[in-house]
Amino acid sequence: MRHVLDTLITALERGRPAVLCAIVRNSGSAPRTSGARMVVLEDGAIAGSVGGGLLEAQCQQMARELFHGPTHFAELDFKLTAASAAEAGMACGGSATVLLQRVAPDALPLLRQLRDDFLGGRRPLLLTVLPAAGQGPRLMLMAREEHGDIPAELRLEIGRKGRRAPFLLQWQEREVFVEPLVHPGTVHLAGAGHVALAVARLAAFVGFEVVVMDDRADFASRERYPEAREVRVLESFSQCIDTLGQDDYLVIVTRGHLHDRDVLAQALRSEAGYIGMIGSRRKRAAVYDSLREEGLGDADLARVHCPIGLAIDADTPEEIALSIVAELVQQRARMAT
């Protein structure tokens, strides 16, 4: 979502409109689920995806019409059986409804606030009142602290749902598509060696923000980690963990057992949503025994993913990174439901 928002906001700041596309209904094995978004620019460039193939091509065609026609929105319904999906070169069937709306520069204040709240971890809700009875769609923002022009009864109805995944609700004879924007998560890499380098690249590729820390300046450098939000050179690993929350994922891949142990001891006193440590089961047993002597219990240690990553018989640093990032994506998906 961040790439979609950045692309949309950049276009509007240049005084150019853009077409924002979103899957607002889906069933069966549709290519993407509700909440998938794509933005189409006047020159045909896109960011994001609503499923690829025929579905996406038709959305791009409709976007071109919205740029130059009198209508500023459209809803496209796609019903793909297994046979029709195969004919269109797609692997999935199912059905989906995509809402397309031309967004003008006057939407900038709302979208900038949405991005700030999203990146700040404040978990805003993007509300889209869907078209009905000749009325076009409308975007609204519902943040935790301020509700803007969101009517009280609509806020109460949304609060009763209490979901992290996108959903539809009925309100005053209109449907409202409610999209919680949960921060994609920040991966904190304790250690900046070969495995960390591969993890950083993959984690950034699948949407995580990345923070790298090591006590070796030649390893923890911006040149080695251009995709990282932050690169920190530590005096030591003994005090490297700041406040971590549920959207933080800690990957412990330092160059030695003692450093791993020090970082893990700090991590278990935080509220990190994910804690993983590289190493064998023998190493895990030795580190855990040492931490028990400091008063940490089995319930604390049960939070740790060790050996880290999904079991795919990984061997090389790149394969190990793949197993780690796959586990991070799995954890993120579970937290979102």
C-alpha atoms as a PDB file:
ATOM      1  CA  MET A   1       0.000   0.000   0.000  1.00  0.00           C
ATOM      2  CA  ARG A   2       2.878   2.393   0.674  1.00  0.00           C
ATOM      3  CA  HIS A   3       4.053   2.263  -2.950  1.00  0.00           C
ATOM      4  CA  VAL A   4       0.502   2.896  -4.163  1.00  0.00           C
ATOM      5  CA  LEU A   5       0.092   5.869  -1.820  1.00  0.00           C
ATOM      6  CA  ASP A   6       3.490   7.332  -2.711  1.00  0.00           C
ATOM      7  CA  THR A   7       2.770   7.067  -6.438  1.00  0.00           C
ATOM      8  CA  LEU A   8      -0.720   8.540  -6.074  1.00  0.00           C
ATOM      9  CA  ILE A   9       0.412  11.441  -3.900  1.00  0.00           C
ATOM     10  CA  THR A  10       3.352  12.257  -6.176  1.00  0.00           C
ATOM     11  CA  ALA A  11       1.037  12.497  -9.195  1.00  0.00           C
ATOM     12  CA  LEU A  12      -1.430  14.733  -7.356  1.00  0.00           C
ATOM     13  CA  GLU A  13       1.379  16.980  -6.099  1.00  0.00           C
ATOM     14  CA  ARG A  14       2.339  17.531  -9.728  1.00  0.00           C
ATOM     15  CA  GLY A  15      -1.217  18.647 -10.431  1.00  0.00           C
ATOM     16  CA  ARG A  16      -2.109  15.490 -12.342  1.00  0.00           C
ATOM     17  CA  PRO A  17      -5.098  13.223 -11.613  1.00  0.00           C
ATOM     18  CA  ALA A  18      -4.780   9.474 -11.137  1.00  0.00           C
ATOM     19  CA  VAL A  19      -7.177   6.552 -11.104  1.00  0.00           C
ATOM     20  CA  LEU A  20      -7.296   4.554  -7.889  1.00  0.00           C
ATOM     21  CA  CYS A  21      -8.488   0.951  -8.248  1.00  0.00           C
ATOM     22  CA  ALA A  22      -9.544  -1.353  -5.412  1.00  0.00           C
ATOM     23  CA  ILE A  23     -11.075  -4.807  -5.135  1.00  0.00           C
ATOM     24  CA  VAL A  24     -14.125  -4.186  -2.937  1.00  0.00           C
ATOM     25  CA  ARG A  25     -15.779  -7.604  -3.276  1.00  0.00           C
ATOM     26  CA  ASN A  26     -14.380 -11.039  -4.018  1.00  0.00           C
ATOM     27  CA  SER A  27     -15.334 -14.672  -3.732  1.00  0.00           C
ATOM     28  CA  GLY A  28     -13.849 -18.008  -4.666  1.00  0.00           C
ATOM     29  CA  SER A  29     -10.235 -18.224  -5.797  1.00  0.00           C
ATOM     30  CA  ALA A  30      -9.984 -14.709  -7.242  1.00  0.00           C
ATOM     31  CA  PRO A  31      -6.404 -13.594  -8.073  1.00  0.00           C
ATOM     32  CA  ARG A  32      -6.389 -11.000  -5.263  1.00  0.00           C
ATOM     33  CA  THR A  33      -8.657 -10.394  -2.284  1.00  0.00           C
ATOM     34  CA  SER A  34     -10.583  -7.365  -1.055  1.00  0.00           C
ATOM     35  CA  GLY A  35      -8.310  -4.445  -0.305  1.00  0.00           C
ATOM     36  CA  ALA A  36      -5.876  -5.101  -3.158  1.00  0.00           C
ATOM     37  CA  ARG A  37      -5.151  -1.714  -4.751  1.00  0.00           C
ATOM     38  CA  MET A  38      -3.578  -0.313  -7.882  1.00  0.00           C
ATOM     39  CA  VAL A  39      -3.090   3.237  -9.111  1.00  0.00           C
ATOM     40  CA  VAL A  40      -3.015   4.097 -12.821  1.00  0.00           C
ATOM     41  CA  LEU A  41      -1.353   7.295 -14.054  1.00  0.00           C
ATOM     42  CA  GLU A  42      -2.191   9.297 -17.164  1.00  0.00           C
ATOM     43  CA  ASP A  43       0.811   7.900 -19.035  1.00  0.00           C
ATOM     44  CA  GLY A  44      -0.360   4.338 -18.347  1.00  0.00           C
ATOM     45  CA  ALA A  45       2.170   3.593 -15.601  1.00  0.00           C
ATOM     46  CA  ILE A  46       0.844   1.593 -12.653  1.00  0.00           C
ATOM     47  CA  ALA A  47       1.755   0.878  -9.049  1.00  0.00           C
ATOM     48  CA  GLY A  48       0.330  -1.990  -7.086  1.00  0.00           C
ATOM     49  CA  SER A  49      -1.820  -4.795  -8.473  1.00  0.00           C
ATOM     50  CA  VAL A  50      -5.416  -6.012  -8.470  1.00  0.00           C
ATOM     51  CA  GLY A  51      -4.592  -9.409  -9.898  1.00  0.00           C
ATOM     52  CA  GLY A  52      -2.782  -9.193 -13.211  1.00  0.00           C
ATOM     53  CA  GLY A  53      -3.862 -10.743 -16.482  1.00  0.00           C
ATOM     54  CA  LEU A  54      -7.165  -9.894 -18.137  1.00  0.00           C
ATOM     55  CA  LEU A  55      -8.592  -8.346 -14.968  1.00  0.00           C
ATOM     56  CA  GLU A  56      -5.807  -5.812 -14.684  1.00  0.00           C
ATOM     57  CA  ALA A  57      -5.732  -5.081 -18.421  1.00  0.00           C
ATOM     58  CA  GLN A  58      -9.434  -4.218 -18.411  1.00  0.00           C
ATOM     59  CA  CYS A  59      -8.937  -1.967 -15.389  1.00  0.00           C
ATOM     60  CA  GLN A  60      -6.173  -0.112 -17.224  1.00  0.00           C
ATOM     61  CA  GLN A  61      -8.428   0.297 -20.259  1.00  0.00           C
ATOM     62  CA  MET A  62     -11.250   1.671 -18.099  1.00  0.00           C
ATOM     63  CA  ALA A  63      -8.804   4.011 -16.350  1.00  0.00           C
ATOM     64  CA  ARG A  64      -7.897   5.535 -19.723  1.00  0.00           C
ATOM     65  CA  GLU A  65     -11.598   6.211 -20.345  1.00  0.00           C
ATOM     66  CA  LEU A  66     -12.001   7.809 -16.912  1.00  0.00           C
ATOM     67  CA  PHE A  67      -9.132  10.186 -17.616  1.00  0.00           C
ATOM     68  CA  HIS A  68     -10.750  11.532 -20.762  1.00  0.00           C
ATOM     69  CA  GLY A  69     -14.488  11.014 -20.272  1.00  0.00           C
ATOM     70  CA  PRO A  70     -17.161  12.806 -18.245  1.00  0.00           C
ATOM     71  CA  THR A  71     -17.499   9.977 -15.718  1.00  0.00           C
ATOM     72  CA  HIS A  72     -15.054   9.877 -12.813  1.00  0.00           C
ATOM     73  CA  PHE A  73     -15.755   6.358 -11.522  1.00  0.00           C
ATOM     74  CA  ALA A  74     -16.700   2.844 -12.627  1.00  0.00           C
ATOM     75  CA  GLU A  75     -17.298  -0.582 -11.137  1.00  0.00           C
ATOM     76  CA  LEU A  76     -16.101  -3.632 -13.048  1.00  0.00           C
ATOM     77  CA  ASP A  77     -17.415  -7.092 -12.194  1.00  0.00           C
ATOM     78  CA  PHE A  78     -15.272 -10.078 -13.075  1.00  0.00           C
ATOM     79  CA  LYS A  79     -16.587 -13.639 -12.957  1.00  0.00           C
ATOM     80  CA  LEU A  80     -13.917 -16.127 -13.914  1.00  0.00           C
ATOM     81  CA  THR A  81     -14.676 -19.812 -14.101  1.00  0.00           C
ATOM     82  CA  ALA A  82     -11.753 -22.180 -14.245  1.00  0.00           C
ATOM     83  CA  ALA A  83     -12.208 -22.438 -18.018  1.00  0.00           C
ATOM     84  CA  SER A  84     -12.477 -18.696 -18.673  1.00  0.00           C
ATOM     85  CA  ALA A  85      -9.533 -17.995 -16.402  1.00  0.00           C
ATOM     86  CA  ALA A  86      -7.439 -20.488 -18.353  1.00  0.00           C
ATOM     87  CA  GLU A  87      -8.493 -18.903 -21.643  1.00  0.00           C
ATOM     88  CA  ALA A  88      -7.417 -15.503 -20.295  1.00  0.00           C
ATOM     89  CA  GLY A  89      -4.056 -16.891 -19.236  1.00  0.00           C
ATOM     90  CA  MET A  90      -4.868 -16.640 -15.509  1.00  0.00           C
ATOM     91  CA  ALA A  91      -4.371 -19.326 -12.900  1.00  0.00           C
ATOM     92  CA  CYS A  92      -7.374 -18.389 -10.750  1.00  0.00           C
ATOM     93  CA  GLY A  93     -11.131 -18.309 -11.084  1.00  0.00           C
ATOM     94  CA  GLY A  94     -13.650 -16.823  -8.688  1.00  0.00           C
ATOM     95  CA  SER A  95     -15.228 -13.377  -8.881  1.00  0.00           C
ATOM     96  CA  ALA A  96     -14.205  -9.857  -7.995  1.00  0.00           C
ATOM     97  CA  THR A  97     -15.590  -6.330  -8.180  1.00  0.00           C
ATOM     98  CA  VAL A  98     -13.105  -3.541  -8.791  1.00  0.00           C
ATOM     99  CA  LEU A  99     -13.995   0.074  -8.042  1.00  0.00           C
ATOM    100  CA  LEU A 100     -12.106   2.646 -10.105  1.00  0.00           C
ATOM    101  CA  GLN A 101     -12.241   6.330  -9.240  1.00  0.00           C
ATOM    102  CA  ARG A 102     -10.450   9.307 -10.701  1.00  0.00           C
ATOM    103  CA  VAL A 103      -8.733  11.167  -7.881  1.00  0.00           C
ATOM    104  CA  ALA A 104      -7.995  14.892  -8.246  1.00  0.00           C
ATOM    105  CA  PRO A 105      -5.361  17.032  -6.455  1.00  0.00           C
ATOM    106  CA  ASP A 106      -7.962  18.304  -3.981  1.00  0.00           C
ATOM    107  CA  ALA A 107      -7.740  14.882  -2.262  1.00  0.00           C
ATOM    108  CA  LEU A 108      -4.134  15.564  -1.238  1.00  0.00           C
ATOM    109  CA  PRO A 109      -4.799  16.574   2.405  1.00  0.00           C
ATOM    110  CA  LEU A 110      -6.711  13.357   3.108  1.00  0.00           C
ATOM    111  CA  LEU A 111      -4.161  11.147   1.361  1.00  0.00           C
ATOM    112  CA  ARG A 112      -1.164  12.790   3.026  1.00  0.00           C
ATOM    113  CA  GLN A 113      -2.786  12.323   6.422  1.00  0.00           C
ATOM    114  CA  LEU A 114      -3.586   8.725   5.538  1.00  0.00           C
ATOM    115  CA  ARG A 115       0.047   8.043   4.629  1.00  0.00           C
ATOM    116  CA  ASP A 116       1.373   9.752   7.748  1.00  0.00           C
ATOM    117  CA  ASP A 117      -0.967   7.753   9.996  1.00  0.00           C
ATOM    118  CA  PHE A 118      -0.173   4.533   8.140  1.00  0.00           C
ATOM    119  CA  LEU A 119       3.600   4.928   8.359  1.00  0.00           C
ATOM    120  CA  GLY A 120       3.319   6.150  11.935  1.00  0.00           C
ATOM    121  CA  GLY A 121       1.681   2.883  12.969  1.00  0.00           C
ATOM    122  CA  ARG A 122      -1.572   4.600  13.995  1.00  0.00           C
ATOM    123  CA  ARG A 123      -3.655   2.098  12.013  1.00  0.00           C
ATOM    124  CA  PRO A 124      -6.037   4.429  10.191  1.00  0.00           C
ATOM    125  CA  LEU A 125      -9.135   3.252   8.346  1.00  0.00           C
ATOM    126  CA  LEU A 126      -9.713   4.268   4.741  1.00  0.00           C
ATOM    127  CA  LEU A 127     -13.450   4.371   4.104  1.00  0.00           C
ATOM    128  CA  THR A 128     -14.924   4.311   0.604  1.00  0.00           C
ATOM    129  CA  VAL A 129     -18.636   5.003   0.308  1.00  0.00           C
ATOM    130  CA  LEU A 130     -19.522   2.938  -2.757  1.00  0.00           C
ATOM    131  CA  PRO A 131     -21.537   4.292  -5.688  1.00  0.00           C
ATOM    132  CA  ALA A 132     -25.336   4.003  -5.505  1.00  0.00           C
ATOM    133  CA  ALA A 133     -28.393   5.605  -7.131  1.00  0.00           C
ATOM    134  CA  GLY A 134     -26.337   7.855  -9.353  1.00  0.00           C
ATOM    135  CA  GLN A 135     -24.091   9.026  -6.531  1.00  0.00           C
ATOM    136  CA  GLY A 136     -20.371   8.587  -6.951  1.00  0.00           C
ATOM    137  CA  PRO A 137     -17.898   7.102  -4.466  1.00  0.00           C
ATOM    138  CA  ARG A 138     -16.431   9.112  -1.625  1.00  0.00           C
ATOM    139  CA  LEU A 139     -13.202   8.642   0.293  1.00  0.00           C
ATOM    140  CA  MET A 140     -13.075   9.275   4.044  1.00  0.00           C
ATOM    141  CA  LEU A 141     -10.378   8.826   6.664  1.00  0.00           C
ATOM    142  CA  MET A 142     -11.003   7.475  10.154  1.00  0.00           C
ATOM    143  CA  ALA A 143      -7.993   7.730  12.452  1.00  0.00           C
ATOM    144  CA  ARG A 144      -7.743   6.543  16.028  1.00  0.00           C
ATOM    145  CA  GLU A 145      -7.527  10.001  17.574  1.00  0.00           C
ATOM    146  CA  GLU A 146      -9.607  12.065  15.143  1.00  0.00           C
ATOM    147  CA  HIS A 147     -12.614  11.033  13.119  1.00  0.00           C
ATOM    148  CA  GLY A 148     -13.016  14.108  10.910  1.00  0.00           C
ATOM    149  CA  ASP A 149     -16.417  14.066   9.276  1.00  0.00           C
ATOM    150  CA  ILE A 150     -17.229  10.413  10.081  1.00  0.00           C
ATOM    151  CA  PRO A 151     -20.774  10.307  11.563  1.00  0.00           C
ATOM    152  CA  ALA A 152     -20.996   8.876  15.066  1.00  0.00           C
ATOM    153  CA  GLU A 153     -23.335   6.031  14.096  1.00  0.00           C
ATOM    154  CA  LEU A 154     -20.938   4.921  11.349  1.00  0.00           C
ATOM    155  CA  ARG A 155     -18.010   4.954  13.785  1.00  0.00           C
ATOM    156  CA  LEU A 156     -20.003   2.782  16.196  1.00  0.00           C
ATOM    157  CA  GLU A 157     -20.882   0.289  13.473  1.00  0.00           C
ATOM    158  CA  ILE A 158     -17.247   0.039  12.395  1.00  0.00           C
ATOM    159  CA  GLY A 159     -16.170  -0.371  16.008  1.00  0.00           C
ATOM    160  CA  ARG A 160     -18.533  -3.304  16.431  1.00  0.00           C
ATOM    161  CA  LYS A 161     -16.859  -5.117  13.557  1.00  0.00           C
ATOM    162  CA  GLY A 162     -13.423  -4.820  15.175  1.00  0.00           C
ATOM    163  CA  ARG A 163     -11.575  -6.437  12.274  1.00  0.00           C
ATOM    164  CA  ARG A 164      -8.110  -5.958  10.813  1.00  0.00           C
ATOM    165  CA  ALA A 165      -9.100  -7.183   7.335  1.00  0.00           C
ATOM    166  CA  PRO A 166     -11.130  -5.107   4.842  1.00  0.00           C
ATOM    167  CA  PHE A 167     -14.904  -5.502   5.029  1.00  0.00           C
ATOM    168  CA  LEU A 168     -18.194  -4.104   3.704  1.00  0.00           C
ATOM    169  CA  LEU A 169     -21.026  -2.738   5.808  1.00  0.00           C
ATOM    170  CA  GLN A 170     -24.410  -1.156   5.146  1.00  0.00           C
ATOM    171  CA  TRP A 171     -24.927   2.445   6.205  1.00  0.00           C
ATOM    172  CA  GLN A 172     -27.836   4.724   5.253  1.00  0.00           C
ATOM    173  CA  GLU A 173     -28.741   2.638   2.191  1.00  0.00           C
ATOM    174  CA  ARG A 174     -25.142   2.795   0.984  1.00  0.00           C
ATOM    175  CA  GLU A 175     -22.367   0.249   1.167  1.00  0.00           C
ATOM    176  CA  VAL A 176     -19.144   1.352   2.813  1.00  0.00           C
ATOM    177  CA  PHE A 177     -15.882  -0.426   2.110  1.00  0.00           C
ATOM    178  CA  VAL A 178     -13.754  -0.237   5.259  1.00  0.00           C
ATOM    179  CA  GLU A 179     -10.042  -0.824   4.815  1.00  0.00           C
ATOM    180  CA  PRO A 180      -7.803  -0.987   7.893  1.00  0.00           C
ATOM    181  CA  LEU A 181      -4.306   0.123   6.953  1.00  0.00           C
ATOM    182  CA  VAL A 182      -1.969  -1.827   9.170  1.00  0.00           C
ATOM    183  CA  HIS A 183       1.711  -0.918   9.058  1.00  0.00           C
ATOM    184  CA  PRO A 184       3.532  -3.532   6.950  1.00  0.00           C
ATOM    185  CA  GLY A 185       5.942  -4.144   9.813  1.00  0.00           C
ATOM    186  CA  THR A 186       9.566  -3.302  10.503  1.00  0.00           C
ATOM    187  CA  VAL A 187      12.230  -5.998  10.397  1.00  0.00           C
ATOM    188  CA  HIS A 188      15.061  -5.236  12.823  1.00  0.00           C
ATOM    189  CA  LEU A 189      18.197  -7.119  11.855  1.00  0.00           C
ATOM    190  CA  ALA A 190      20.618  -7.672  14.720  1.00  0.00           C
ATOM    191  CA  GLY A 191      23.725  -8.478  12.730  1.00  0.00           C
ATOM    192  CA  ALA A 192      24.727  -7.334   9.247  1.00  0.00           C
ATOM    193  CA  GLY A 193      26.517 -10.330   7.768  1.00  0.00           C
ATOM    194  CA  HIS A 194      25.709 -12.411   4.693  1.00  0.00           C
ATOM    195  CA  VAL A 195      22.374 -13.788   5.922  1.00  0.00           C
ATOM    196  CA  ALA A 196      21.231 -10.355   7.101  1.00  0.00           C
ATOM    197  CA  LEU A 197      22.122  -8.860   3.717  1.00  0.00           C
ATOM    198  CA  ALA A 198      19.902 -11.360   1.906  1.00  0.00           C
ATOM    199  CA  VAL A 199      17.099 -10.985   4.478  1.00  0.00           C
ATOM    200  CA  ALA A 200      17.128  -7.193   4.095  1.00  0.00           C
ATOM    201  CA  ARG A 201      16.696  -7.395   0.341  1.00  0.00           C
ATOM    202  CA  LEU A 202      13.889  -9.946   0.463  1.00  0.00           C
ATOM    203  CA  ALA A 203      12.093  -8.293   3.375  1.00  0.00           C
ATOM    204  CA  ALA A 204      12.094  -4.916   1.642  1.00  0.00           C
ATOM    205  CA  PHE A 205      10.909  -6.578  -1.578  1.00  0.00           C
ATOM    206  CA  VAL A 206       7.786  -7.965   0.151  1.00  0.00           C
ATOM    207  CA  GLY A 207       6.960  -4.652   1.801  1.00  0.00           C
ATOM    208  CA  PHE A 208       8.637  -4.649   5.216  1.00  0.00           C
ATOM    209  CA  GLU A 209      10.620  -1.676   6.411  1.00  0.00           C
ATOM    210  CA  VAL A 210      14.150  -2.659   7.396  1.00  0.00           C
ATOM    211  CA  VAL A 211      16.442  -1.523  10.211  1.00  0.00           C
ATOM    212  CA  VAL A 212      19.992  -2.909  10.363  1.00  0.00           C
ATOM    213  CA  MET A 213      22.360  -2.828  13.349  1.00  0.00           C
ATOM    214  CA  ASP A 214      25.856  -4.171  13.911  1.00  0.00           C
ATOM    215  CA  ASP A 215      28.968  -3.155  15.803  1.00  0.00           C
ATOM    216  CA  ARG A 216      31.075  -3.330  12.623  1.00  0.00           C
ATOM    217  CA  ALA A 217      30.933  -0.150  10.566  1.00  0.00           C
ATOM    218  CA  ASP A 218      32.196  -1.877   7.429  1.00  0.00           C
ATOM    219  CA  PHE A 219      29.220  -4.264   7.605  1.00  0.00           C
ATOM    220  CA  ALA A 220      26.526  -1.866   8.834  1.00  0.00           C
ATOM    221  CA  SER A 221      26.789   0.667   6.038  1.00  0.00           C
ATOM    222  CA  ARG A 222      24.325   2.472   3.828  1.00  0.00           C
ATOM    223  CA  GLU A 223      26.228   1.220   0.772  1.00  0.00           C
ATOM    224  CA  ARG A 224      25.562  -2.407   1.717  1.00  0.00           C
ATOM    225  CA  TYR A 225      21.952  -1.739   2.762  1.00  0.00           C
ATOM    226  CA  PRO A 226      20.453   0.870   0.404  1.00  0.00           C
ATOM    227  CA  GLU A 227      16.944  -0.498   0.967  1.00  0.00           C
ATOM    228  CA  ALA A 228      17.088  -0.045   4.756  1.00  0.00           C
ATOM    229  CA  ARG A 229      15.156   2.718   6.484  1.00  0.00           C
ATOM    230  CA  GLU A 230      17.904   2.952   9.096  1.00  0.00           C
ATOM    231  CA  VAL A 231      21.413   1.549   9.492  1.00  0.00           C
ATOM    232  CA  ARG A 232      22.921   1.732  12.988  1.00  0.00           C
ATOM    233  CA  VAL A 233      26.543   1.181  14.006  1.00  0.00           C
ATOM    234  CA  LEU A 234      26.494  -0.022  17.614  1.00  0.00           C
ATOM    235  CA  GLU A 235      29.052   0.350  20.339  1.00  0.00           C
ATOM    236  CA  SER A 236      28.010  -3.146  21.399  1.00  0.00           C
ATOM    237  CA  PHE A 237      25.051  -5.510  21.210  1.00  0.00           C
ATOM    238  CA  SER A 238      24.499  -5.288  24.967  1.00  0.00           C
ATOM    239  CA  GLN A 239      22.095  -2.339  24.682  1.00  0.00           C
ATOM    240  CA  CYS A 240      20.778  -2.329  21.130  1.00  0.00           C
ATOM    241  CA  ILE A 241      17.031  -2.911  21.510  1.00  0.00           C
ATOM    242  CA  ASP A 242      14.811   0.135  21.761  1.00  0.00           C
ATOM    243  CA  THR A 243      11.090  -0.067  22.431  1.00  0.00           C
ATOM    244  CA  LEU A 244       9.551  -2.664  20.135  1.00  0.00           C
ATOM    245  CA  GLY A 245       5.841  -3.210  19.513  1.00  0.00           C
ATOM    246  CA  GLN A 246       3.541  -5.659  17.763  1.00  0.00           C
ATOM    247  CA  ASP A 247       4.507  -4.371  14.300  1.00  0.00           C
ATOM    248  CA  ASP A 248       8.213  -5.033  14.947  1.00  0.00           C
ATOM    249  CA  TYR A 249       9.970  -8.229  13.835  1.00  0.00           C
ATOM    250  CA  LEU A 250      13.392  -8.945  15.339  1.00  0.00           C
ATOM    251  CA  VAL A 251      15.762 -11.224  13.424  1.00  0.00           C
ATOM    252  CA  ILE A 252      18.859 -12.148  15.444  1.00  0.00           C
ATOM    253  CA  VAL A 253      21.707 -13.113  13.125  1.00  0.00           C
ATOM    254  CA  THR A 254      24.843 -11.760  14.791  1.00  0.00           C
ATOM    255  CA  ARG A 255      28.281 -13.281  14.300  1.00  0.00           C
ATOM    256  CA  GLY A 256      28.418 -15.103  17.649  1.00  0.00           C
ATOM    257  CA  HIS A 257      26.416 -16.978  20.276  1.00  0.00           C
ATOM    258  CA  LEU A 258      27.166 -14.470  23.035  1.00  0.00           C
ATOM    259  CA  HIS A 259      25.910 -11.555  20.967  1.00  0.00           C
ATOM    260  CA  ASP A 260      22.787 -13.521  20.025  1.00  0.00           C
ATOM    261  CA  ARG A 261      22.149 -14.265  23.678  1.00  0.00           C
ATOM    262  CA  ASP A 262      22.538 -10.607  24.682  1.00  0.00           C
ATOM    263  CA  VAL A 263      20.135  -9.443  22.011  1.00  0.00           C
ATOM    264  CA  LEU A 264      17.602 -12.150  22.832  1.00  0.00           C
ATOM    265  CA  ALA A 265      17.640 -11.257  26.526  1.00  0.00           C
ATOM    266  CA  GLN A 266      16.727  -7.668  25.635  1.00  0.00           C
ATOM    267  CA  ALA A 267      14.128  -8.740  23.066  1.00  0.00           C
ATOM    268  CA  LEU A 268      12.228 -10.914  25.525  1.00  0.00           C
ATOM    269  CA  ARG A 269      11.683  -7.871  27.722  1.00  0.00           C
ATOM    270  CA  SER A 270      10.076  -6.039  24.806  1.00  0.00           C
ATOM    271  CA  GLU A 271       6.661  -6.369  23.175  1.00  0.00           C
ATOM    272  CA  ALA A 272       8.033  -7.344  19.767  1.00  0.00           C
ATOM    273  CA  GLY A 273       5.481  -9.154  17.622  1.00  0.00           C
ATOM    274  CA  TYR A 274       8.093 -11.603  16.334  1.00  0.00           C
ATOM    275  CA  ILE A 275      11.453 -12.721  17.713  1.00  0.00           C
ATOM    276  CA  GLY A 276      13.616 -15.115  15.740  1.00  0.00           C
ATOM    277  CA  MET A 277      17.167 -16.345  16.375  1.00  0.00           C
ATOM    278  CA  ILE A 278      19.398 -18.217  13.963  1.00  0.00           C
ATOM    279  CA  GLY A 279      21.156 -21.342  15.196  1.00  0.00           C
ATOM    280  CA  SER A 280      20.983 -25.047  15.852  1.00  0.00           C
ATOM    281  CA  ARG A 281      18.880 -26.752  18.510  1.00  0.00           C
ATOM    282  CA  ARG A 282      22.070 -27.327  20.533  1.00  0.00           C
ATOM    283  CA  LYS A 283      22.834 -23.605  20.471  1.00  0.00           C
ATOM    284  CA  ARG A 284      19.218 -22.859  21.400  1.00  0.00           C
ATOM    285  CA  ALA A 285      19.392 -25.140  24.426  1.00  0.00           C
ATOM    286  CA  ALA A 286      22.591 -23.480  25.698  1.00  0.00           C
ATOM    287  CA  VAL A 287      21.230 -19.957  25.218  1.00  0.00           C
ATOM    288  CA  TYR A 288      17.898 -20.815  26.821  1.00  0.00           C
ATOM    289  CA  ASP A 289      19.577 -22.408  29.865  1.00  0.00           C
ATOM    290  CA  SER A 290      21.647 -19.246  30.309  1.00  0.00           C
ATOM    291  CA  LEU A 291      18.536 -17.038  30.142  1.00  0.00           C
ATOM    292  CA  ARG A 292      16.652 -19.219  32.619  1.00  0.00           C
ATOM    293  CA  GLU A 293      19.427 -18.504  35.096  1.00  0.00           C
ATOM    294  CA  GLU A 294      18.514 -14.810  34.707  1.00  0.00           C
ATOM    295  CA  GLY A 295      14.912 -15.528  35.650  1.00  0.00           C
ATOM    296  CA  LEU A 296      13.273 -15.893  32.250  1.00  0.00           C
ATOM    297  CA  GLY A 297      10.720 -18.679  32.102  1.00  0.00           C
ATOM    298  CA  ASP A 298       9.462 -21.143  29.541  1.00  0.00           C
ATOM    299  CA  ALA A 299       6.554 -18.853  28.637  1.00  0.00           C
ATOM    300  CA  ASP A 300       9.062 -16.127  27.708  1.00  0.00           C
ATOM    301  CA  LEU A 301      11.203 -18.494  25.654  1.00  0.00           C
ATOM    302  CA  ALA A 302       8.156 -19.880  23.837  1.00  0.00           C
ATOM    303  CA  ARG A 303       7.943 -16.526  22.031  1.00  0.00           C
ATOM    304  CA  VAL A 304      11.190 -17.249  20.180  1.00  0.00           C
ATOM    305  CA  HIS A 305      11.325 -18.794  16.715  1.00  0.00           C
ATOM    306  CA  CYS A 306      14.489 -20.866  16.864  1.00  0.00           C
ATOM    307  CA  PRO A 307      15.748 -22.326  14.643  1.00  0.00           C
ATOM    308  CA  ILE A 308      14.512 -19.316  12.718  1.00  0.00           C
ATOM    309  CA  GLY A 309      12.613 -19.649   9.442  1.00  0.00           C
ATOM    310  CA  LEU A 310      10.385 -22.224   7.805  1.00  0.00           C
ATOM    311  CA  ALA A 311      11.816 -25.718   7.407  1.00  0.00           C
ATOM    312  CA  ILE A 312      12.796 -25.839   3.721  1.00  0.00           C
ATOM    313  CA  ASP A 313      16.229 -27.485   4.106  1.00  0.00           C
ATOM    314  CA  ALA A 314      17.900 -24.135   3.407  1.00  0.00           C
ATOM    315  CA  ASP A 315      21.681 -24.099   3.104  1.00  0.00           C
ATOM    316  CA  THR A 316      23.052 -20.947   1.454  1.00  0.00           C
ATOM    317  CA  PRO A 317      22.616 -17.459   2.964  1.00  0.00           C
ATOM    318  CA  GLU A 318      20.053 -16.678   0.270  1.00  0.00           C
ATOM    319  CA  GLU A 319      18.071 -19.856   0.961  1.00  0.00           C
ATOM    320  CA  ILE A 320      18.177 -19.208   4.699  1.00  0.00           C
ATOM    321  CA  ALA A 321      16.945 -15.669   4.072  1.00  0.00           C
ATOM    322  CA  LEU A 322      14.091 -17.039   1.979  1.00  0.00           C
ATOM    323  CA  SER A 323      13.025 -19.335   4.833  1.00  0.00           C
ATOM    324  CA  ILE A 324      13.205 -16.443   7.323  1.00  0.00           C
ATOM    325  CA  VAL A 325      11.249 -13.951   5.239  1.00  0.00           C
ATOM    326  CA  ALA A 326       8.639 -16.608   4.428  1.00  0.00           C
ATOM    327  CA  GLU A 327       8.105 -17.052   8.177  1.00  0.00           C
ATOM    328  CA  LEU A 328       7.865 -13.269   8.627  1.00  0.00           C
ATOM    329  CA  VAL A 329       5.207 -13.050   5.917  1.00  0.00           C
ATOM    330  CA  GLN A 330       3.328 -15.937   7.516  1.00  0.00           C
ATOM    331  CA  GLN A 331       3.424 -14.222  10.900  1.00  0.00           C
ATOM    332  CA  ARG A 332       2.260 -10.916   9.402  1.00  0.00           C
ATOM    333  CA  ALA A 333      -0.674 -12.628   7.695  1.00  0.00           C
ATOM    334  CA  ARG A 334      -1.724 -14.372  10.912  1.00  0.00           C
ATOM    335  CA  MET A 335      -1.587 -11.097  12.843  1.00  0.00           C
ATOM    336  CA  ALA A 336      -3.789  -9.415  10.229  1.00  0.00           C
ATOM    337  CA  THR A 337      -6.697 -11.840  10.692  1.00  0.00           C
END
